mmCIF file of all heavy atoms, coordinates in Angstrom:
data_MODEL
# 
_entry.id   MODEL 
# 
loop_
_atom_site.group_PDB 
_atom_site.id 
_atom_site.type_symbol 
_atom_site.label_atom_id 
_atom_site.label_alt_id 
_atom_site.label_comp_id 
_atom_site.label_asym_id 
_atom_site.label_entity_id 
_atom_site.label_seq_id 
_atom_site.pdbx_PDB_ins_code 
_atom_site.Cartn_x 
_atom_site.Cartn_y 
_atom_site.Cartn_z 
_atom_site.occupancy 
_atom_site.B_iso_or_equiv 
_atom_site.pdbx_formal_charge 
_atom_site.auth_seq_id 
_atom_site.auth_comp_id 
_atom_site.auth_asym_id 
_atom_site.auth_atom_id 
_atom_site.pdbx_PDB_model_num 
ATOM 1   N N   . ILE A 1 1  ? 76.267 114.959 81.425 1.00 0.00 ? 1  ILE A N   1 
ATOM 2   C CA  . ILE A 1 1  ? 76.806 115.938 80.487 1.00 0.00 ? 1  ILE A CA  1 
ATOM 3   C C   . ILE A 1 1  ? 78.235 116.246 80.923 1.00 0.00 ? 1  ILE A C   1 
ATOM 4   O O   . ILE A 1 1  ? 78.577 116.156 82.103 1.00 0.00 ? 1  ILE A O   1 
ATOM 5   C CB  . ILE A 1 1  ? 75.961 117.226 80.378 1.00 0.00 ? 1  ILE A CB  1 
ATOM 6   C CG1 . ILE A 1 1  ? 75.881 117.953 81.701 1.00 0.00 ? 1  ILE A CG1 1 
ATOM 7   C CG2 . ILE A 1 1  ? 74.607 116.934 79.810 1.00 0.00 ? 1  ILE A CG2 1 
ATOM 8   C CD1 . ILE A 1 1  ? 75.276 119.330 81.570 1.00 0.00 ? 1  ILE A CD1 1 
ATOM 9   N N   . ALA A 1 2  ? 79.070 116.576 79.944 1.00 0.00 ? 2  ALA A N   1 
ATOM 10  C CA  . ALA A 1 2  ? 80.478 116.849 80.202 1.00 0.00 ? 2  ALA A CA  1 
ATOM 11  C C   . ALA A 1 2  ? 80.828 118.245 79.698 1.00 0.00 ? 2  ALA A C   1 
ATOM 12  O O   . ALA A 1 2  ? 81.235 118.416 78.549 1.00 0.00 ? 2  ALA A O   1 
ATOM 13  C CB  . ALA A 1 2  ? 81.345 115.791 79.523 1.00 0.00 ? 2  ALA A CB  1 
ATOM 14  N N   . PRO A 1 3  ? 80.672 119.268 80.546 1.00 0.00 ? 3  PRO A N   1 
ATOM 15  C CA  . PRO A 1 3  ? 81.033 120.620 80.122 1.00 0.00 ? 3  PRO A CA  1 
ATOM 16  C C   . PRO A 1 3  ? 82.535 120.852 80.235 1.00 0.00 ? 3  PRO A C   1 
ATOM 17  O O   . PRO A 1 3  ? 83.251 120.105 80.896 1.00 0.00 ? 3  PRO A O   1 
ATOM 18  C CB  . PRO A 1 3  ? 80.276 121.506 81.111 1.00 0.00 ? 3  PRO A CB  1 
ATOM 19  C CG  . PRO A 1 3  ? 80.141 120.675 82.341 1.00 0.00 ? 3  PRO A CG  1 
ATOM 20  C CD  . PRO A 1 3  ? 80.056 119.247 81.856 1.00 0.00 ? 3  PRO A CD  1 
ATOM 21  N N   . SER A 1 4  ? 82.985 121.931 79.599 1.00 0.00 ? 4  SER A N   1 
ATOM 22  C CA  . SER A 1 4  ? 84.367 122.367 79.805 1.00 0.00 ? 4  SER A CA  1 
ATOM 23  C C   . SER A 1 4  ? 84.362 123.270 81.038 1.00 0.00 ? 4  SER A C   1 
ATOM 24  O O   . SER A 1 4  ? 83.437 123.222 81.842 1.00 0.00 ? 4  SER A O   1 
ATOM 25  C CB  . SER A 1 4  ? 84.895 123.086 78.566 1.00 0.00 ? 4  SER A CB  1 
ATOM 26  O OG  . SER A 1 4  ? 84.148 124.260 78.322 1.00 0.00 ? 4  SER A OG  1 
ATOM 27  N N   . MET A 1 5  ? 85.355 124.120 81.190 1.00 0.00 ? 5  MET A N   1 
ATOM 28  C CA  . MET A 1 5  ? 85.401 125.012 82.341 1.00 0.00 ? 5  MET A CA  1 
ATOM 29  C C   . MET A 1 5  ? 84.302 126.062 82.204 1.00 0.00 ? 5  MET A C   1 
ATOM 30  O O   . MET A 1 5  ? 84.273 126.828 81.248 1.00 0.00 ? 5  MET A O   1 
ATOM 31  C CB  . MET A 1 5  ? 86.762 125.692 82.437 1.00 0.00 ? 5  MET A CB  1 
ATOM 32  C CG  . MET A 1 5  ? 86.906 126.502 83.709 1.00 0.00 ? 5  MET A CG  1 
ATOM 33  S SD  . MET A 1 5  ? 88.462 127.418 83.816 1.00 0.00 ? 5  MET A SD  1 
ATOM 34  C CE  . MET A 1 5  ? 89.637 126.098 83.841 1.00 0.00 ? 5  MET A CE  1 
ATOM 35  N N   . VAL A 1 6  ? 83.395 126.066 83.161 1.00 0.00 ? 6  VAL A N   1 
ATOM 36  C CA  . VAL A 1 6  ? 82.244 126.970 83.142 1.00 0.00 ? 6  VAL A CA  1 
ATOM 37  C C   . VAL A 1 6  ? 82.548 128.176 84.027 1.00 0.00 ? 6  VAL A C   1 
ATOM 38  O O   . VAL A 1 6  ? 83.045 128.036 85.144 1.00 0.00 ? 6  VAL A O   1 
ATOM 39  C CB  . VAL A 1 6  ? 80.976 126.238 83.651 1.00 0.00 ? 6  VAL A CB  1 
ATOM 40  C CG1 . VAL A 1 6  ? 79.770 127.168 83.654 1.00 0.00 ? 6  VAL A CG1 1 
ATOM 41  C CG2 . VAL A 1 6  ? 80.704 124.999 82.816 1.00 0.00 ? 6  VAL A CG2 1 
ATOM 42  N N   . ARG A 1 7  ? 82.219 129.360 83.512 1.00 0.00 ? 7  ARG A N   1 
ATOM 43  C CA  . ARG A 1 7  ? 82.462 130.584 84.284 1.00 0.00 ? 7  ARG A CA  1 
ATOM 44  C C   . ARG A 1 7  ? 81.443 130.668 85.420 1.00 0.00 ? 7  ARG A C   1 
ATOM 45  O O   . ARG A 1 7  ? 80.276 130.990 85.201 1.00 0.00 ? 7  ARG A O   1 
ATOM 46  C CB  . ARG A 1 7  ? 82.373 131.817 83.406 1.00 0.00 ? 7  ARG A CB  1 
ATOM 47  C CG  . ARG A 1 7  ? 82.782 133.097 84.152 1.00 0.00 ? 7  ARG A CG  1 
ATOM 48  C CD  . ARG A 1 7  ? 82.669 134.340 83.310 1.00 0.00 ? 7  ARG A CD  1 
ATOM 49  N NE  . ARG A 1 7  ? 83.405 134.260 82.066 1.00 0.00 ? 7  ARG A NE  1 
ATOM 50  C CZ  . ARG A 1 7  ? 84.711 134.490 81.921 1.00 0.00 ? 7  ARG A CZ  1 
ATOM 51  N NH1 . ARG A 1 7  ? 85.439 134.780 82.969 1.00 0.00 ? 7  ARG A NH1 1 
ATOM 52  N NH2 . ARG A 1 7  ? 85.273 134.422 80.738 1.00 0.00 ? 7  ARG A NH2 1 
ATOM 53  N N   . THR A 1 8  ? 81.892 130.378 86.608 1.00 0.00 ? 8  THR A N   1 
ATOM 54  C CA  . THR A 1 8  ? 81.096 130.536 87.821 1.00 0.00 ? 8  THR A CA  1 
ATOM 55  C C   . THR A 1 8  ? 81.916 131.360 88.802 1.00 0.00 ? 8  THR A C   1 
ATOM 56  O O   . THR A 1 8  ? 83.124 131.570 88.600 1.00 0.00 ? 8  THR A O   1 
ATOM 57  C CB  . THR A 1 8  ? 80.764 129.175 88.464 1.00 0.00 ? 8  THR A CB  1 
ATOM 58  O OG1 . THR A 1 8  ? 81.991 128.548 88.869 1.00 0.00 ? 8  THR A OG1 1 
ATOM 59  C CG2 . THR A 1 8  ? 79.985 128.274 87.511 1.00 0.00 ? 8  THR A CG2 1 
ATOM 60  N N   . ALA A 1 9  ? 81.299 131.789 89.881 1.00 0.00 ? 9  ALA A N   1 
ATOM 61  C CA  . ALA A 1 9  ? 82.027 132.573 90.888 1.00 0.00 ? 9  ALA A CA  1 
ATOM 62  C C   . ALA A 1 9  ? 83.180 131.753 91.471 1.00 0.00 ? 9  ALA A C   1 
ATOM 63  O O   . ALA A 1 9  ? 84.285 132.266 91.666 1.00 0.00 ? 9  ALA A O   1 
ATOM 64  C CB  . ALA A 1 9  ? 81.073 133.031 91.983 1.00 0.00 ? 9  ALA A CB  1 
ATOM 65  N N   . THR A 1 10 ? 82.937 130.490 91.731 1.00 0.00 ? 10 THR A N   1 
ATOM 66  C CA  . THR A 1 10 ? 83.990 129.636 92.278 1.00 0.00 ? 10 THR A CA  1 
ATOM 67  C C   . THR A 1 10 ? 85.131 129.458 91.288 1.00 0.00 ? 10 THR A C   1 
ATOM 68  O O   . THR A 1 10 ? 86.306 129.563 91.659 1.00 0.00 ? 10 THR A O   1 
ATOM 69  C CB  . THR A 1 10 ? 83.417 128.259 92.668 1.00 0.00 ? 10 THR A CB  1 
ATOM 70  O OG1 . THR A 1 10 ? 82.387 128.460 93.641 1.00 0.00 ? 10 THR A OG1 1 
ATOM 71  C CG2 . THR A 1 10 ? 84.488 127.354 93.235 1.00 0.00 ? 10 THR A CG2 1 
ATOM 72  N N   . ALA A 1 11 ? 84.808 129.201 90.028 1.00 0.00 ? 11 ALA A N   1 
ATOM 73  C CA  . ALA A 1 11 ? 85.849 129.026 89.011 1.00 0.00 ? 11 ALA A CA  1 
ATOM 74  C C   . ALA A 1 11 ? 86.654 130.312 88.826 1.00 0.00 ? 11 ALA A C   1 
ATOM 75  O O   . ALA A 1 11 ? 87.869 130.265 88.635 1.00 0.00 ? 11 ALA A O   1 
ATOM 76  C CB  . ALA A 1 11 ? 85.242 128.588 87.689 1.00 0.00 ? 11 ALA A CB  1 
ATOM 77  N N   . GLU A 1 12 ? 85.986 131.461 88.909 1.00 0.00 ? 12 GLU A N   1 
ATOM 78  C CA  . GLU A 1 12 ? 86.686 132.745 88.778 1.00 0.00 ? 12 GLU A CA  1 
ATOM 79  C C   . GLU A 1 12 ? 87.739 132.899 89.870 1.00 0.00 ? 12 GLU A C   1 
ATOM 80  O O   . GLU A 1 12 ? 88.829 133.400 89.622 1.00 0.00 ? 12 GLU A O   1 
ATOM 81  C CB  . GLU A 1 12 ? 85.697 133.917 88.854 1.00 0.00 ? 12 GLU A CB  1 
ATOM 82  C CG  . GLU A 1 12 ? 84.797 134.049 87.664 1.00 0.00 ? 12 GLU A CG  1 
ATOM 83  C CD  . GLU A 1 12 ? 85.454 134.767 86.499 1.00 0.00 ? 12 GLU A CD  1 
ATOM 84  O OE1 . GLU A 1 12 ? 86.600 135.212 86.616 1.00 0.00 ? 12 GLU A OE1 1 
ATOM 85  O OE2 . GLU A 1 12 ? 84.791 134.873 85.464 1.00 0.00 ? 12 GLU A OE2 1 
ATOM 86  N N   . ARG A 1 13 ? 87.403 132.461 91.093 1.00 0.00 ? 13 ARG A N   1 
ATOM 87  C CA  . ARG A 1 13 ? 88.328 132.593 92.224 1.00 0.00 ? 13 ARG A CA  1 
ATOM 88  C C   . ARG A 1 13 ? 89.439 131.547 92.219 1.00 0.00 ? 13 ARG A C   1 
ATOM 89  O O   . ARG A 1 13 ? 90.488 131.763 92.795 1.00 0.00 ? 13 ARG A O   1 
ATOM 90  C CB  . ARG A 1 13 ? 87.567 132.458 93.546 1.00 0.00 ? 13 ARG A CB  1 
ATOM 91  C CG  . ARG A 1 13 ? 86.728 133.639 93.927 1.00 0.00 ? 13 ARG A CG  1 
ATOM 92  C CD  . ARG A 1 13 ? 86.220 133.523 95.355 1.00 0.00 ? 13 ARG A CD  1 
ATOM 93  N NE  . ARG A 1 13 ? 85.667 132.224 95.695 1.00 0.00 ? 13 ARG A NE  1 
ATOM 94  C CZ  . ARG A 1 13 ? 84.408 131.850 95.490 1.00 0.00 ? 13 ARG A CZ  1 
ATOM 95  N NH1 . ARG A 1 13 ? 83.571 132.681 94.921 1.00 0.00 ? 13 ARG A NH1 1 
ATOM 96  N NH2 . ARG A 1 13 ? 83.990 130.666 95.848 1.00 0.00 ? 13 ARG A NH2 1 
ATOM 97  N N   . THR A 1 14 ? 89.193 130.411 91.610 1.00 0.00 ? 14 THR A N   1 
ATOM 98  C CA  . THR A 1 14 ? 90.160 129.305 91.698 1.00 0.00 ? 14 THR A CA  1 
ATOM 99  C C   . THR A 1 14 ? 90.898 129.124 90.378 1.00 0.00 ? 14 THR A C   1 
ATOM 100 O O   . THR A 1 14 ? 91.827 129.853 90.091 1.00 0.00 ? 14 THR A O   1 
ATOM 101 C CB  . THR A 1 14 ? 89.450 128.016 92.152 1.00 0.00 ? 14 THR A CB  1 
ATOM 102 O OG1 . THR A 1 14 ? 88.381 127.721 91.240 1.00 0.00 ? 14 THR A OG1 1 
ATOM 103 C CG2 . THR A 1 14 ? 88.883 128.160 93.556 1.00 0.00 ? 14 THR A CG2 1 
ATOM 104 N N   . VAL A 1 15 ? 90.485 128.182 89.568 1.00 0.00 ? 15 VAL A N   1 
ATOM 105 C CA  . VAL A 1 15 ? 91.195 127.853 88.333 1.00 0.00 ? 15 VAL A CA  1 
ATOM 106 C C   . VAL A 1 15 ? 91.205 128.999 87.320 1.00 0.00 ? 15 VAL A C   1 
ATOM 107 O O   . VAL A 1 15 ? 92.140 129.122 86.543 1.00 0.00 ? 15 VAL A O   1 
ATOM 108 C CB  . VAL A 1 15 ? 90.624 126.573 87.669 1.00 0.00 ? 15 VAL A CB  1 
ATOM 109 C CG1 . VAL A 1 15 ? 90.916 125.363 88.525 1.00 0.00 ? 15 VAL A CG1 1 
ATOM 110 C CG2 . VAL A 1 15 ? 89.138 126.702 87.423 1.00 0.00 ? 15 VAL A CG2 1 
ATOM 111 N N   . GLY A 1 16 ? 90.203 129.843 87.352 1.00 0.00 ? 16 GLY A N   1 
ATOM 112 C CA  . GLY A 1 16 ? 90.154 130.969 86.425 1.00 0.00 ? 16 GLY A CA  1 
ATOM 113 C C   . GLY A 1 16 ? 91.086 132.099 86.813 1.00 0.00 ? 16 GLY A C   1 
ATOM 114 O O   . GLY A 1 16 ? 91.503 132.900 85.978 1.00 0.00 ? 16 GLY A O   1 
ATOM 115 N N   . ALA A 1 17 ? 91.447 132.170 88.080 1.00 0.00 ? 17 ALA A N   1 
ATOM 116 C CA  . ALA A 1 17 ? 92.293 133.264 88.563 1.00 0.00 ? 17 ALA A CA  1 
ATOM 117 C C   . ALA A 1 17 ? 93.704 133.213 88.003 1.00 0.00 ? 17 ALA A C   1 
ATOM 118 O O   . ALA A 1 17 ? 94.373 134.236 87.914 1.00 0.00 ? 17 ALA A O   1 
ATOM 119 C CB  . ALA A 1 17 ? 92.333 133.244 90.088 1.00 0.00 ? 17 ALA A CB  1 
ATOM 120 N N   . ASP A 1 18 ? 94.176 132.041 87.630 1.00 0.00 ? 18 ASP A N   1 
ATOM 121 C CA  . ASP A 1 18 ? 95.548 131.923 87.115 1.00 0.00 ? 18 ASP A CA  1 
ATOM 122 C C   . ASP A 1 18 ? 95.597 131.681 85.612 1.00 0.00 ? 18 ASP A C   1 
ATOM 123 O O   . ASP A 1 18 ? 96.504 131.051 85.099 1.00 0.00 ? 18 ASP A O   1 
ATOM 124 C CB  . ASP A 1 18 ? 96.321 130.840 87.863 1.00 0.00 ? 18 ASP A CB  1 
ATOM 125 C CG  . ASP A 1 18 ? 95.820 129.433 87.578 1.00 0.00 ? 18 ASP A CG  1 
ATOM 126 O OD1 . ASP A 1 18 ? 94.732 129.296 86.987 1.00 0.00 ? 18 ASP A OD1 1 
ATOM 127 O OD2 . ASP A 1 18 ? 96.525 128.469 87.936 1.00 0.00 ? 18 ASP A OD2 1 
ATOM 128 N N   . GLY A 1 19 ? 94.577 132.153 84.897 1.00 0.00 ? 19 GLY A N   1 
ATOM 129 C CA  . GLY A 1 19 ? 94.584 132.018 83.440 1.00 0.00 ? 19 GLY A CA  1 
ATOM 130 C C   . GLY A 1 19 ? 93.944 130.746 82.924 1.00 0.00 ? 19 GLY A C   1 
ATOM 131 O O   . GLY A 1 19 ? 94.079 130.419 81.747 1.00 0.00 ? 19 GLY A O   1 
ATOM 132 N N   . GLY A 1 20 ? 93.217 130.025 83.764 1.00 0.00 ? 20 GLY A N   1 
ATOM 133 C CA  . GLY A 1 20 ? 92.590 128.770 83.354 1.00 0.00 ? 20 GLY A CA  1 
ATOM 134 C C   . GLY A 1 20 ? 91.589 128.932 82.221 1.00 0.00 ? 20 GLY A C   1 
ATOM 135 O O   . GLY A 1 20 ? 91.540 128.114 81.307 1.00 0.00 ? 20 GLY A O   1 
ATOM 136 N N   . PHE A 1 21 ? 90.798 129.998 82.267 1.00 0.00 ? 21 PHE A N   1 
ATOM 137 C CA  . PHE A 1 21 ? 89.809 130.210 81.204 1.00 0.00 ? 21 PHE A CA  1 
ATOM 138 C C   . PHE A 1 21 ? 90.494 130.405 79.855 1.00 0.00 ? 21 PHE A C   1 
ATOM 139 O O   . PHE A 1 21 ? 90.051 129.883 78.843 1.00 0.00 ? 21 PHE A O   1 
ATOM 140 C CB  . PHE A 1 21 ? 88.910 131.407 81.506 1.00 0.00 ? 21 PHE A CB  1 
ATOM 141 C CG  . PHE A 1 21 ? 87.930 131.157 82.611 1.00 0.00 ? 21 PHE A CG  1 
ATOM 142 C CD1 . PHE A 1 21 ? 88.053 131.822 83.816 1.00 0.00 ? 21 PHE A CD1 1 
ATOM 143 C CD2 . PHE A 1 21 ? 86.892 130.251 82.449 1.00 0.00 ? 21 PHE A CD2 1 
ATOM 144 C CE1 . PHE A 1 21 ? 87.157 131.594 84.846 1.00 0.00 ? 21 PHE A CE1 1 
ATOM 145 C CE2 . PHE A 1 21 ? 85.985 130.017 83.471 1.00 0.00 ? 21 PHE A CE2 1 
ATOM 146 C CZ  . PHE A 1 21 ? 86.122 130.686 84.678 1.00 0.00 ? 21 PHE A CZ  1 
ATOM 147 N N   . GLU A 1 22 ? 91.581 131.146 79.845 1.00 0.00 ? 22 GLU A N   1 
ATOM 148 C CA  . GLU A 1 22 ? 92.306 131.390 78.598 1.00 0.00 ? 22 GLU A CA  1 
ATOM 149 C C   . GLU A 1 22 ? 92.921 130.102 78.052 1.00 0.00 ? 22 GLU A C   1 
ATOM 150 O O   . GLU A 1 22 ? 92.916 129.864 76.851 1.00 0.00 ? 22 GLU A O   1 
ATOM 151 C CB  . GLU A 1 22 ? 93.388 132.455 78.806 1.00 0.00 ? 22 GLU A CB  1 
ATOM 152 C CG  . GLU A 1 22 ? 92.829 133.854 79.053 1.00 0.00 ? 22 GLU A CG  1 
ATOM 153 C CD  . GLU A 1 22 ? 92.291 134.058 80.482 1.00 0.00 ? 22 GLU A CD  1 
ATOM 154 O OE1 . GLU A 1 22 ? 92.631 133.279 81.404 1.00 0.00 ? 22 GLU A OE1 1 
ATOM 155 O OE2 . GLU A 1 22 ? 91.502 135.005 80.660 1.00 0.00 ? 22 GLU A OE2 1 
ATOM 156 N N   . ARG A 1 23 ? 93.465 129.262 78.940 1.00 0.00 ? 23 ARG A N   1 
ATOM 157 C CA  . ARG A 1 23 ? 94.057 127.989 78.492 1.00 0.00 ? 23 ARG A CA  1 
ATOM 158 C C   . ARG A 1 23 ? 93.002 127.077 77.875 1.00 0.00 ? 23 ARG A C   1 
ATOM 159 O O   . ARG A 1 23 ? 93.253 126.410 76.882 1.00 0.00 ? 23 ARG A O   1 
ATOM 160 C CB  . ARG A 1 23 ? 94.755 127.283 79.652 1.00 0.00 ? 23 ARG A CB  1 
ATOM 161 C CG  . ARG A 1 23 ? 96.089 127.900 80.006 1.00 0.00 ? 23 ARG A CG  1 
ATOM 162 C CD  . ARG A 1 23 ? 96.872 127.021 80.956 1.00 0.00 ? 23 ARG A CD  1 
ATOM 163 N NE  . ARG A 1 23 ? 96.208 126.758 82.223 1.00 0.00 ? 23 ARG A NE  1 
ATOM 164 C CZ  . ARG A 1 23 ? 96.201 127.588 83.266 1.00 0.00 ? 23 ARG A CZ  1 
ATOM 165 N NH1 . ARG A 1 23 ? 96.824 128.741 83.199 1.00 0.00 ? 23 ARG A NH1 1 
ATOM 166 N NH2 . ARG A 1 23 ? 95.581 127.256 84.380 1.00 0.00 ? 23 ARG A NH2 1 
ATOM 167 N N   . VAL A 1 24 ? 91.814 127.054 78.463 1.00 0.00 ? 24 VAL A N   1 
ATOM 168 C CA  . VAL A 1 24 ? 90.729 126.224 77.925 1.00 0.00 ? 24 VAL A CA  1 
ATOM 169 C C   . VAL A 1 24 ? 90.217 126.815 76.615 1.00 0.00 ? 24 VAL A C   1 
ATOM 170 O O   . VAL A 1 24 ? 89.967 126.091 75.654 1.00 0.00 ? 24 VAL A O   1 
ATOM 171 C CB  . VAL A 1 24 ? 89.582 126.083 78.958 1.00 0.00 ? 24 VAL A CB  1 
ATOM 172 C CG1 . VAL A 1 24 ? 88.353 125.456 78.339 1.00 0.00 ? 24 VAL A CG1 1 
ATOM 173 C CG2 . VAL A 1 24 ? 90.049 125.270 80.155 1.00 0.00 ? 24 VAL A CG2 1 
# 
């Protein structure tokens, strides 16, 4: 399966911390 950026604790601290969730 090929998900997009999934909200996890790790993603929140890394790629999500600099606006990654909004870009996706």
